[in-house]
Amino acid sequence: MAHEAPAPTPGSKAETRQDARTRGWRTALQGAVSTALVAVATVVTDQVVPGEIIDWPTLGLAAATAAGTALAAWVQRRLEGSTDQP
């Protein structure tokens, strides 16, 4: 079942910028946690399957994806907030 996206909270442009910044940083933190979990899983795999090494390109791609997601959250919030301004 699909849910509607929550409407941006009305407010000044400064409030919209602050909210966008907060959401962007929160998403970046969530992405960092996800990337750390990928790193831990890689180390565990190395211990379980001898001879495996940390796959740095995959870990880098996970970090880049997390950063891109945070940037997208920030941009989306800025765009949503700017449409409600008079």
PDB file of N, CA and C in Angstrom:
ATOM      1  N   MET A   1       0.839  -1.152   0.000  1.00  0.00           N
ATOM      2  CA  MET A   1       0.000   0.000   0.000  1.00  0.00           C
ATOM      3  C   MET A   1       0.901   1.237   0.000  1.00  0.00           C
ATOM      4  N   ALA A   2       0.655   2.142  -0.902  1.00  0.00           N
ATOM      5  CA  ALA A   2       1.460   3.363  -1.012  1.00  0.00           C
ATOM      6  C   ALA A   2       0.887   4.446  -0.101  1.00  0.00           C
ATOM      7  N   HIS A   3       1.791   5.216   0.461  1.00  0.00           N
ATOM      8  CA  HIS A   3       1.397   6.321   1.330  1.00  0.00           C
ATOM      9  C   HIS A   3       1.783   7.625   0.657  1.00  0.00           C
ATOM     10  N   GLU A   4       1.018   8.659   0.919  1.00  0.00           N
ATOM     11  CA  GLU A   4       1.356   9.973   0.383  1.00  0.00           C
ATOM     12  C   GLU A   4       2.543  10.541   1.139  1.00  0.00           C
ATOM     13  N   ALA A   5       3.354  11.295   0.427  1.00  0.00           N
ATOM     14  CA  ALA A   5       4.486  11.965   1.075  1.00  0.00           C
ATOM     15  C   ALA A   5       3.946  13.043   2.005  1.00  0.00           C
ATOM     16  N   PRO A   6       4.561  13.204   3.158  1.00  0.00           N
ATOM     17  CA  PRO A   6       4.086  14.264   4.056  1.00  0.00           C
ATOM     18  C   PRO A   6       4.311  15.628   3.438  1.00  0.00           C
ATOM     19  N   ALA A   7       3.365  16.504   3.637  1.00  0.00           N
ATOM     20  CA  ALA A   7       3.489  17.860   3.094  1.00  0.00           C
ATOM     21  C   ALA A   7       4.563  18.611   3.882  1.00  0.00           C
ATOM     22  N   PRO A   8       5.337  19.429   3.194  1.00  0.00           N
ATOM     23  CA  PRO A   8       6.337  20.202   3.918  1.00  0.00           C
ATOM     24  C   PRO A   8       5.671  21.163   4.888  1.00  0.00           C
ATOM     25  N   THR A   9       6.316  21.374   5.987  1.00  0.00           N
ATOM     26  CA  THR A   9       5.754  22.296   6.963  1.00  0.00           C
ATOM     27  C   THR A   9       5.895  23.716   6.453  1.00  0.00           C
ATOM     28  N   PRO A  10       4.812  24.487   6.495  1.00  0.00           N
ATOM     29  CA  PRO A  10       4.917  25.853   6.027  1.00  0.00           C
ATOM     30  C   PRO A  10       5.801  26.667   6.962  1.00  0.00           C
ATOM     31  N   GLY A  11       6.452  27.627   6.418  1.00  0.00           N
ATOM     32  CA  GLY A  11       7.299  28.479   7.237  1.00  0.00           C
ATOM     33  C   GLY A  11       8.113  29.393   6.352  1.00  0.00           C
ATOM     34  N   SER A  12       8.984  30.120   6.975  1.00  0.00           N
ATOM     35  CA  SER A  12       9.823  31.051   6.235  1.00  0.00           C
ATOM     36  C   SER A  12      10.888  30.294   5.450  1.00  0.00           C
ATOM     37  N   LYS A  13      11.555  31.010   4.560  1.00  0.00           N
ATOM     38  CA  LYS A  13      12.630  30.386   3.798  1.00  0.00           C
ATOM     39  C   LYS A  13      13.757  29.941   4.718  1.00  0.00           C
ATOM     40  N   ALA A  14      14.002  30.697   5.771  1.00  0.00           N
ATOM     41  CA  ALA A  14      15.047  30.320   6.730  1.00  0.00           C
ATOM     42  C   ALA A  14      14.673  29.013   7.435  1.00  0.00           C
ATOM     43  N   GLU A  15      13.392  28.873   7.795  1.00  0.00           N
ATOM     44  CA  GLU A  15      12.950  27.636   8.427  1.00  0.00           C
ATOM     45  C   GLU A  15      13.062  26.469   7.457  1.00  0.00           C
ATOM     46  N   THR A  16      12.732  26.695   6.194  1.00  0.00           N
ATOM     47  CA  THR A  16      12.836  25.656   5.182  1.00  0.00           C
ATOM     48  C   THR A  16      14.289  25.232   5.009  1.00  0.00           C
ATOM     49  N   ARG A  17      15.197  26.215   4.964  1.00  0.00           N
ATOM     50  CA  ARG A  17      16.630  25.893   4.833  1.00  0.00           C
ATOM     51  C   ARG A  17      17.109  25.086   6.033  1.00  0.00           C
ATOM     52  N   GLN A  18      16.700  25.485   7.226  1.00  0.00           N
ATOM     53  CA  GLN A  18      17.113  24.767   8.436  1.00  0.00           C
ATOM     54  C   GLN A  18      16.560  23.351   8.425  1.00  0.00           C
ATOM     55  N   ASP A  19      15.288  23.206   8.038  1.00  0.00           N
ATOM     56  CA  ASP A  19      14.678  21.882   7.994  1.00  0.00           C
ATOM     57  C   ASP A  19      15.377  21.014   6.952  1.00  0.00           C
ATOM     58  N   ALA A  20      15.694  21.595   5.793  1.00  0.00           N
ATOM     59  CA  ALA A  20      16.403  20.855   4.751  1.00  0.00           C
ATOM     60  C   ALA A  20      17.771  20.412   5.254  1.00  0.00           C
ATOM     61  N   ARG A  21      18.467  21.299   5.947  1.00  0.00           N
ATOM     62  CA  ARG A  21      19.788  20.969   6.499  1.00  0.00           C
ATOM     63  C   ARG A  21      19.675  19.826   7.507  1.00  0.00           C
ATOM     64  N   THR A  22      18.677  19.917   8.385  1.00  0.00           N
ATOM     65  CA  THR A  22      18.487  18.872   9.395  1.00  0.00           C
ATOM     66  C   THR A  22      18.189  17.531   8.740  1.00  0.00           C
ATOM     67  N   ARG A  23      17.296  17.533   7.766  1.00  0.00           N
ATOM     68  CA  ARG A  23      16.952  16.287   7.086  1.00  0.00           C
ATOM     69  C   ARG A  23      18.144  15.728   6.323  1.00  0.00           C
ATOM     70  N   GLY A  24      18.898  16.610   5.686  1.00  0.00           N
ATOM     71  CA  GLY A  24      20.081  16.165   4.947  1.00  0.00           C
ATOM     72  C   GLY A  24      21.107  15.511   5.856  1.00  0.00           C
ATOM     73  N   TRP A  25      21.398  16.150   7.004  1.00  0.00           N
ATOM     74  CA  TRP A  25      22.367  15.579   7.946  1.00  0.00           C
ATOM     75  C   TRP A  25      21.857  14.282   8.544  1.00  0.00           C
ATOM     76  N   ARG A  26      20.562  14.232   8.842  1.00  0.00           N
ATOM     77  CA  ARG A  26      19.992  13.005   9.398  1.00  0.00           C
ATOM     78  C   ARG A  26      20.123  11.860   8.405  1.00  0.00           C
ATOM     79  N   THR A  27      19.841  12.138   7.135  1.00  0.00           N
ATOM     80  CA  THR A  27      19.967  11.116   6.107  1.00  0.00           C
ATOM     81  C   THR A  27      21.424  10.716   5.918  1.00  0.00           C
ATOM     82  N   ALA A  28      22.341  11.689   6.007  1.00  0.00           N
ATOM     83  CA  ALA A  28      23.764  11.374   5.892  1.00  0.00           C
ATOM     84  C   ALA A  28      24.201  10.454   7.033  1.00  0.00           C
ATOM     85  N   LEU A  29      23.717  10.722   8.236  1.00  0.00           N
ATOM     86  CA  LEU A  29      24.050   9.864   9.370  1.00  0.00           C
ATOM     87  C   LEU A  29      23.507   8.454   9.164  1.00  0.00           C
ATOM     88  N   GLN A  30      22.280   8.361   8.674  1.00  0.00           N
ATOM     89  CA  GLN A  30      21.702   7.048   8.397  1.00  0.00           C
ATOM     90  C   GLN A  30      22.522   6.322   7.335  1.00  0.00           C
ATOM     91  N   GLY A  31      22.968   7.048   6.321  1.00  0.00           N
ATOM     92  CA  GLY A  31      23.802   6.451   5.292  1.00  0.00           C
ATOM     93  C   GLY A  31      25.144   5.995   5.834  1.00  0.00           C
ATOM     94  N   ALA A  32      25.720   6.783   6.749  1.00  0.00           N
ATOM     95  CA  ALA A  32      26.996   6.403   7.360  1.00  0.00           C
ATOM     96  C   ALA A  32      26.846   5.116   8.161  1.00  0.00           C
ATOM     97  N   VAL A  33      25.738   4.989   8.873  1.00  0.00           N
ATOM     98  CA  VAL A  33      25.487   3.766   9.627  1.00  0.00           C
ATOM     99  C   VAL A  33      25.364   2.581   8.666  1.00  0.00           C
ATOM    100  N   SER A  34      24.653   2.772   7.563  1.00  0.00           N
ATOM    101  CA  SER A  34      24.518   1.701   6.573  1.00  0.00           C
ATOM    102  C   SER A  34      25.872   1.307   5.999  1.00  0.00           C
ATOM    103  N   THR A  35      26.701   2.302   5.695  1.00  0.00           N
ATOM    104  CA  THR A  35      28.028   2.027   5.151  1.00  0.00           C
ATOM    105  C   THR A  35      28.879   1.280   6.173  1.00  0.00           C
ATOM    106  N   ALA A  36      28.780   1.667   7.440  1.00  0.00           N
ATOM    107  CA  ALA A  36      29.528   0.970   8.492  1.00  0.00           C
ATOM    108  C   ALA A  36      29.071  -0.489   8.599  1.00  0.00           C
ATOM    109  N   LEU A  37      27.780  -0.715   8.438  1.00  0.00           N
ATOM    110  CA  LEU A  37      27.282  -2.093   8.484  1.00  0.00           C
ATOM    111  C   LEU A  37      27.828  -2.912   7.318  1.00  0.00           C
ATOM    112  N   VAL A  38      27.943  -2.289   6.136  1.00  0.00           N
ATOM    113  CA  VAL A  38      28.542  -2.979   4.993  1.00  0.00           C
ATOM    114  C   VAL A  38      29.998  -3.324   5.307  1.00  0.00           C
ATOM    115  N   ALA A  39      30.721  -2.392   5.923  1.00  0.00           N
ATOM    116  CA  ALA A  39      32.118  -2.634   6.281  1.00  0.00           C
ATOM    117  C   ALA A  39      32.236  -3.777   7.292  1.00  0.00           C
ATOM    118  N   VAL A  40      31.376  -3.771   8.296  1.00  0.00           N
ATOM    119  CA  VAL A  40      31.396  -4.835   9.300  1.00  0.00           C
ATOM    120  C   VAL A  40      31.072  -6.177   8.653  1.00  0.00           C
ATOM    121  N   ALA A  41      30.083  -6.195   7.770  1.00  0.00           N
ATOM    122  CA  ALA A  41      29.731  -7.439   7.086  1.00  0.00           C
ATOM    123  C   ALA A  41      30.905  -7.946   6.253  1.00  0.00           C
ATOM    124  N   THR A  42      31.658  -7.037   5.660  1.00  0.00           N
ATOM    125  CA  THR A  42      32.817  -7.431   4.865  1.00  0.00           C
ATOM    126  C   THR A  42      33.882  -8.059   5.758  1.00  0.00           C
ATOM    127  N   VAL A  43      34.126  -7.464   6.910  1.00  0.00           N
ATOM    128  CA  VAL A  43      35.115  -8.009   7.848  1.00  0.00           C
ATOM    129  C   VAL A  43      34.654  -9.375   8.359  1.00  0.00           C
ATOM    130  N   VAL A  44      33.378  -9.513   8.673  1.00  0.00           N
ATOM    131  CA  VAL A  44      32.856 -10.804   9.137  1.00  0.00           C
ATOM    132  C   VAL A  44      33.028 -11.852   8.040  1.00  0.00           C
ATOM    133  N   THR A  45      32.728 -11.478   6.808  1.00  0.00           N
ATOM    134  CA  THR A  45      32.905 -12.404   5.688  1.00  0.00           C
ATOM    135  C   THR A  45      34.362 -12.824   5.573  1.00  0.00           C
ATOM    136  N   ASP A  46      35.268 -11.887   5.766  1.00  0.00           N
ATOM    137  CA  ASP A  46      36.697 -12.193   5.717  1.00  0.00           C
ATOM    138  C   ASP A  46      37.073 -13.208   6.784  1.00  0.00           C
ATOM    139  N   GLN A  47      36.471 -13.106   7.961  1.00  0.00           N
ATOM    140  CA  GLN A  47      36.788 -14.039   9.035  1.00  0.00           C
ATOM    141  C   GLN A  47      36.165 -15.412   8.805  1.00  0.00           C
ATOM    142  N   VAL A  48      34.991 -15.440   8.204  1.00  0.00           N
ATOM    143  CA  VAL A  48      34.292 -16.702   7.970  1.00  0.00           C
ATOM    144  C   VAL A  48      34.870 -17.430   6.764  1.00  0.00           C
ATOM    145  N   VAL A  49      35.206 -16.688   5.710  1.00  0.00           N
ATOM    146  CA  VAL A  49      35.739 -17.273   4.481  1.00  0.00           C
ATOM    147  C   VAL A  49      37.193 -16.822   4.344  1.00  0.00           C
ATOM    148  N   PRO A  50      38.139 -17.635   4.798  1.00  0.00           N
ATOM    149  CA  PRO A  50      39.540 -17.231   4.735  1.00  0.00           C
ATOM    150  C   PRO A  50      39.970 -16.920   3.297  1.00  0.00           C
ATOM    151  N   GLY A  51      40.810 -15.893   3.182  1.00  0.00           N
ATOM    152  CA  GLY A  51      41.319 -15.518   1.866  1.00  0.00           C
ATOM    153  C   GLY A  51      40.548 -14.387   1.221  1.00  0.00           C
ATOM    154  N   GLU A  52      39.341 -14.098   1.707  1.00  0.00           N
ATOM    155  CA  GLU A  52      38.571 -12.975   1.171  1.00  0.00           C
ATOM    156  C   GLU A  52      39.184 -11.685   1.685  1.00  0.00           C
ATOM    157  N   ILE A  53      39.140 -10.643   0.882  1.00  0.00           N
ATOM    158  CA  ILE A  53      39.661  -9.350   1.313  1.00  0.00           C
ATOM    159  C   ILE A  53      38.543  -8.320   1.273  1.00  0.00           C
ATOM    160  N   ILE A  54      38.766  -7.208   1.956  1.00  0.00           N
ATOM    161  CA  ILE A  54      37.769  -6.130   1.951  1.00  0.00           C
ATOM    162  C   ILE A  54      37.642  -5.597   0.538  1.00  0.00           C
ATOM    163  N   ASP A  55      36.451  -5.520   0.064  1.00  0.00           N
ATOM    164  CA  ASP A  55      36.180  -5.026  -1.285  1.00  0.00           C
ATOM    165  C   ASP A  55      36.016  -3.509  -1.216  1.00  0.00           C
ATOM    166  N   TRP A  56      37.122  -2.781  -1.337  1.00  0.00           N
ATOM    167  CA  TRP A  56      37.107  -1.320  -1.196  1.00  0.00           C
ATOM    168  C   TRP A  56      36.216  -0.629  -2.225  1.00  0.00           C
ATOM    169  N   PRO A  57      36.197  -1.080  -3.491  1.00  0.00           N
ATOM    170  CA  PRO A  57      35.277  -0.409  -4.437  1.00  0.00           C
ATOM    171  C   PRO A  57      33.811  -0.524  -4.018  1.00  0.00           C
ATOM    172  N   THR A  58      33.419  -1.677  -3.501  1.00  0.00           N
ATOM    173  CA  THR A  58      32.037  -1.839  -3.051  1.00  0.00           C
ATOM    174  C   THR A  58      31.760  -0.957  -1.847  1.00  0.00           C
ATOM    175  N   LEU A  59      32.704  -0.895  -0.920  1.00  0.00           N
ATOM    176  CA  LEU A  59      32.541  -0.048   0.251  1.00  0.00           C
ATOM    177  C   LEU A  59      32.479   1.425  -0.156  1.00  0.00           C
ATOM    178  N   GLY A  60      33.314   1.817  -1.113  1.00  0.00           N
ATOM    179  CA  GLY A  60      33.285   3.198  -1.616  1.00  0.00           C
ATOM    180  C   GLY A  60      31.965   3.521  -2.293  1.00  0.00           C
ATOM    181  N   LEU A  61      31.446   2.565  -3.054  1.00  0.00           N
ATOM    182  CA  LEU A  61      30.157   2.766  -3.715  1.00  0.00           C
ATOM    183  C   LEU A  61      29.036   2.907  -2.690  1.00  0.00           C
ATOM    184  N   ALA A  62      29.101   2.124  -1.618  1.00  0.00           N
ATOM    185  CA  ALA A  62      28.090   2.253  -0.559  1.00  0.00           C
ATOM    186  C   ALA A  62      28.160   3.635   0.082  1.00  0.00           C
ATOM    187  N   ALA A  63      29.367   4.134   0.322  1.00  0.00           N
ATOM    188  CA  ALA A  63      29.521   5.474   0.912  1.00  0.00           C
ATOM    189  C   ALA A  63      29.027   6.552  -0.046  1.00  0.00           C
ATOM    190  N   ALA A  64      29.338   6.412  -1.334  1.00  0.00           N
ATOM    191  CA  ALA A  64      28.882   7.389  -2.325  1.00  0.00           C
ATOM    192  C   ALA A  64      27.357   7.381  -2.438  1.00  0.00           C
ATOM    193  N   THR A  65      26.766   6.208  -2.367  1.00  0.00           N
ATOM    194  CA  THR A  65      25.306   6.100  -2.409  1.00  0.00           C
ATOM    195  C   THR A  65      24.683   6.787  -1.202  1.00  0.00           C
ATOM    196  N   ALA A  66      25.274   6.584  -0.036  1.00  0.00           N
ATOM    197  CA  ALA A  66      24.765   7.234   1.176  1.00  0.00           C
ATOM    198  C   ALA A  66      24.855   8.752   1.049  1.00  0.00           C
ATOM    199  N   ALA A  67      25.974   9.258   0.547  1.00  0.00           N
ATOM    200  CA  ALA A  67      26.138  10.706   0.374  1.00  0.00           C
ATOM    201  C   ALA A  67      25.148  11.247  -0.655  1.00  0.00           C
ATOM    202  N   GLY A  68      24.956  10.518  -1.736  1.00  0.00           N
ATOM    203  CA  GLY A  68      24.003  10.947  -2.763  1.00  0.00           C
ATOM    204  C   GLY A  68      22.580  10.978  -2.245  1.00  0.00           C
ATOM    205  N   THR A  69      22.239  10.017  -1.405  1.00  0.00           N
ATOM    206  CA  THR A  69      20.900   9.983  -0.813  1.00  0.00           C
ATOM    207  C   THR A  69      20.678  11.183   0.097  1.00  0.00           C
ATOM    208  N   ALA A  70      21.693  11.524   0.883  1.00  0.00           N
ATOM    209  CA  ALA A  70      21.577  12.699   1.762  1.00  0.00           C
ATOM    210  C   ALA A  70      21.416  13.969   0.945  1.00  0.00           C
ATOM    211  N   LEU A  71      22.182  14.097  -0.118  1.00  0.00           N
ATOM    212  CA  LEU A  71      22.072  15.272  -0.983  1.00  0.00           C
ATOM    213  C   LEU A  71      20.690  15.351  -1.626  1.00  0.00           C
ATOM    214  N   ALA A  72      20.169  14.215  -2.072  1.00  0.00           N
ATOM    215  CA  ALA A  72      18.840  14.194  -2.680  1.00  0.00           C
ATOM    216  C   ALA A  72      17.767  14.589  -1.675  1.00  0.00           C
ATOM    217  N   ALA A  73      17.897  14.141  -0.419  1.00  0.00           N
ATOM    218  CA  ALA A  73      16.926  14.518   0.617  1.00  0.00           C
ATOM    219  C   ALA A  73      16.961  16.019   0.860  1.00  0.00           C
ATOM    220  N   TRP A  74      18.149  16.594   0.889  1.00  0.00           N
ATOM    221  CA  TRP A  74      18.301  18.036   1.102  1.00  0.00           C
ATOM    222  C   TRP A  74      17.676  18.822  -0.057  1.00  0.00           C
ATOM    223  N   VAL A  75      17.986  18.424  -1.286  1.00  0.00           N
ATOM    224  CA  VAL A  75      17.463  19.134  -2.464  1.00  0.00           C
ATOM    225  C   VAL A  75      15.945  19.023  -2.523  1.00  0.00           C
ATOM    226  N   GLN A  76      15.416  17.822  -2.289  1.00  0.00           N
ATOM    227  CA  GLN A  76      13.964  17.645  -2.342  1.00  0.00           C
ATOM    228  C   GLN A  76      13.268  18.531  -1.325  1.00  0.00           C
ATOM    229  N   ARG A  77      13.790  18.604  -0.127  1.00  0.00           N
ATOM    230  CA  ARG A  77      13.156  19.444   0.897  1.00  0.00           C
ATOM    231  C   ARG A  77      13.209  20.906   0.526  1.00  0.00           C
ATOM    232  N   ARG A  78      14.335  21.334  -0.016  1.00  0.00           N
ATOM    233  CA  ARG A  78      14.447  22.737  -0.439  1.00  0.00           C
ATOM    234  C   ARG A  78      13.425  23.042  -1.536  1.00  0.00           C
ATOM    235  N   LEU A  79      13.278  22.129  -2.489  1.00  0.00           N
ATOM    236  CA  LEU A  79      12.315  22.353  -3.579  1.00  0.00           C
ATOM    237  C   LEU A  79      10.882  22.325  -3.070  1.00  0.00           C
ATOM    238  N   GLU A  80      10.560  21.393  -2.203  1.00  0.00           N
ATOM    239  CA  GLU A  80       9.202  21.319  -1.656  1.00  0.00           C
ATOM    240  C   GLU A  80       8.870  22.565  -0.849  1.00  0.00           C
ATOM    241  N   GLY A  81       9.816  23.039  -0.080  1.00  0.00           N
ATOM    242  CA  GLY A  81       9.577  24.214   0.758  1.00  0.00           C
ATOM    243  C   GLY A  81       9.445  25.469  -0.055  1.00  0.00           C
ATOM    244  N   SER A  82      10.202  25.567  -1.160  1.00  0.00           N
ATOM    245  CA  SER A  82      10.160  26.792  -1.939  1.00  0.00           C
ATOM    246  C   SER A  82       8.871  26.948  -2.718  1.00  0.00           C
ATOM    247  N   THR A  83       8.152  25.847  -2.981  1.00  0.00           N
ATOM    248  CA  THR A  83       6.900  25.954  -3.730  1.00  0.00           C
ATOM    249  C   THR A  83       5.774  26.507  -2.879  1.00  0.00           C
ATOM    250  N   ASP A  84       5.881  26.415  -1.553  1.00  0.00           N
ATOM    251  CA  ASP A  84       4.836  26.910  -0.670  1.00  0.00           C
ATOM    252  C   ASP A  84       5.009  28.379  -0.302  1.00  0.00           C
ATOM    253  N   GLN A  85       6.108  28.971  -0.695  1.00  0.00           N
ATOM    254  CA  GLN A  85       6.387  30.354  -0.319  1.00  0.00           C
ATOM    255  C   GLN A  85       5.645  31.315  -1.239  1.00  0.00           C
ATOM    256  N   PRO A  86       5.112  32.405  -0.710  1.00  0.00           N
ATOM    257  CA  PRO A  86       4.402  33.377  -1.555  1.00  0.00           C
ATOM    258  C   PRO A  86       5.367  34.167  -2.427  1.00  0.00           C
TER     259      PRO A  86
END
